[in-house]
Amino acid sequence: QVHVVESGGGLVQPGGSLRLSCAASGLTFSSRTMAWYRQAPGKSREWVATITNSGGTKYADSVKGRFTISRDNTKNTVYLQMNSLKPEDTAVYLCCASMTYFGQGTQVTVSS
């Protein structure tokens, strides 16, 4: 059974930083593409970033240059470093394993 668990969310001021973590189990982590999505209240789920099993990365235009996705295959964990946060980044951030399995999400709130 696949488990995906996010952590690291919280309240941060505009311009601040947060690092999200996502631990996945029940699959061969090192061979899987991992991704982050987000969903703001009243809006549809939005793709944020992807990292392939070989380390290739892609980002949504809205976060390019501010967010960095990375992975540690020894810990079965993927990270999302978020810098220069804006109020419009406020959302529940969800991790997705192998483009199939989602976690419950972690809340990120950017507010002064």
Protein backbone atom coordinates (compact mmCIF):
# COMPACT_ATOMS: atom_id res chain seq x y z
CA GLN A 1 0.00 0.00 0.00
CA VAL A 2 1.34 3.40 -0.98
CA HIS A 3 1.55 6.14 1.64
CA VAL A 4 2.35 9.77 0.90
CA VAL A 5 2.76 12.18 3.81
CA GLU A 6 3.48 15.89 3.52
CA SER A 7 4.88 18.15 6.24
CA GLY A 8 6.44 21.56 6.72
CA GLY A 9 3.54 23.90 6.05
CA GLY A 10 2.69 26.88 8.20
CA LEU A 11 2.14 30.62 8.38
CA VAL A 12 4.79 32.85 6.84
CA GLN A 13 5.01 36.54 6.00
CA PRO A 14 5.21 37.74 2.40
CA GLY A 15 8.79 37.45 1.16
CA GLY A 16 9.51 34.61 3.55
CA SER A 17 10.52 31.00 2.93
CA LEU A 18 9.29 27.51 3.77
CA ARG A 19 10.51 24.03 2.94
CA LEU A 20 7.94 21.30 2.45
CA SER A 21 8.77 17.61 2.75
CA CYS A 22 7.00 14.59 1.36
CA ALA A 23 7.76 11.06 2.46
CA ALA A 24 6.53 8.21 0.27
CA SER A 25 6.46 4.50 1.07
CA GLY A 26 5.09 1.34 -0.46
CA LEU A 27 6.70 1.95 -3.83
CA THR A 28 10.14 1.98 -5.42
CA PHE A 29 10.73 5.65 -4.71
CA SER A 30 13.94 6.09 -6.70
CA SER A 31 12.28 5.02 -9.94
CA ARG A 32 9.21 7.25 -9.64
CA THR A 33 8.39 10.73 -10.82
CA MET A 34 7.31 12.96 -7.95
CA ALA A 35 5.31 16.17 -8.09
CA TRP A 36 3.81 18.94 -6.03
CA TYR A 37 0.37 20.41 -6.58
CA ARG A 38 -1.57 23.04 -4.68
CA GLN A 39 -5.21 23.93 -4.18
CA ALA A 40 -6.42 27.28 -2.94
CA PRO A 41 -9.91 27.77 -1.47
CA GLY A 42 -12.52 27.86 -4.20
CA LYS A 43 -10.01 27.02 -6.93
CA SER A 44 -9.11 23.89 -8.82
CA ARG A 45 -5.95 21.91 -8.12
CA GLU A 46 -2.87 23.46 -9.77
CA TRP A 47 0.34 21.69 -10.73
CA VAL A 48 3.42 23.32 -9.18
CA ALA A 49 6.53 21.27 -9.95
CA THR A 50 7.78 17.85 -11.03
CA ILE A 51 11.00 15.93 -10.56
CA THR A 52 11.70 12.80 -12.57
CA ASN A 53 13.54 9.69 -11.35
CA SER A 54 16.69 11.03 -13.05
CA GLY A 55 16.40 14.43 -11.37
CA GLY A 56 14.95 16.45 -14.22
CA THR A 57 12.72 19.27 -13.01
CA LYS A 58 9.89 21.38 -14.37
CA TYR A 59 7.98 24.27 -12.80
CA ALA A 60 4.77 26.16 -13.30
CA ASP A 61 5.39 29.68 -14.58
CA SER A 62 3.84 31.10 -11.42
CA VAL A 63 6.60 29.65 -9.22
CA LYS A 64 9.59 29.48 -11.58
CA GLY A 65 12.64 31.13 -10.06
CA ARG A 66 11.15 31.08 -6.55
CA PHE A 67 10.49 27.38 -5.83
CA THR A 68 12.91 24.47 -6.06
CA ILE A 69 11.94 20.80 -6.08
CA SER A 70 14.52 18.20 -5.03
CA ARG A 71 14.64 14.61 -3.87
CA ASP A 72 16.65 12.38 -1.55
CA ASN A 73 16.29 8.78 -2.67
CA THR A 74 18.07 7.53 0.46
CA LYS A 75 15.22 8.96 2.53
CA ASN A 76 12.35 8.34 0.07
CA THR A 77 11.61 12.04 0.38
CA VAL A 78 10.93 14.89 -2.00
CA TYR A 79 11.22 18.53 -1.00
CA LEU A 80 9.81 21.85 -2.15
CA GLN A 81 11.87 24.87 -1.15
CA MET A 82 9.69 27.95 -1.44
CA ASN A 83 11.29 31.40 -1.38
CA SER A 84 9.95 34.91 -1.92
CA LEU A 85 6.50 33.72 -0.95
CA LYS A 86 3.47 35.77 -1.97
CA PRO A 87 -0.07 35.85 -0.58
CA GLU A 88 -1.26 34.16 -3.77
CA ASP A 89 0.88 31.15 -2.86
CA THR A 90 -1.55 30.42 -0.02
CA ALA A 91 -2.98 26.93 -0.56
CA VAL A 92 -2.97 23.34 0.56
CA TYR A 93 0.13 21.78 -0.97
CA LEU A 94 -0.17 18.15 -2.03
CA CYS A 95 2.54 15.71 -2.97
CA CYS A 96 1.95 13.19 -5.73
CA ALA A 97 3.90 9.97 -6.19
CA SER A 98 4.18 8.35 -9.60
CA MET A 99 1.53 10.75 -10.96
CA THR A 100 -1.06 8.63 -9.15
CA TYR A 101 -0.89 8.70 -5.35
CA PHE A 102 -1.69 11.90 -3.44
CA GLY A 103 -1.15 12.73 0.20
CA GLN A 104 -3.54 14.67 2.40
CA GLY A 105 -1.66 17.91 1.98
CA THR A 106 -0.09 20.57 4.17
CA GLN A 107 -1.44 24.09 4.57
CA VAL A 108 0.71 27.05 3.55
CA THR A 109 -0.54 30.50 4.47
CA VAL A 110 1.29 33.63 3.35
CA SER A 111 0.03 36.65 5.24
CA SER A 112 1.25 39.62 7.23
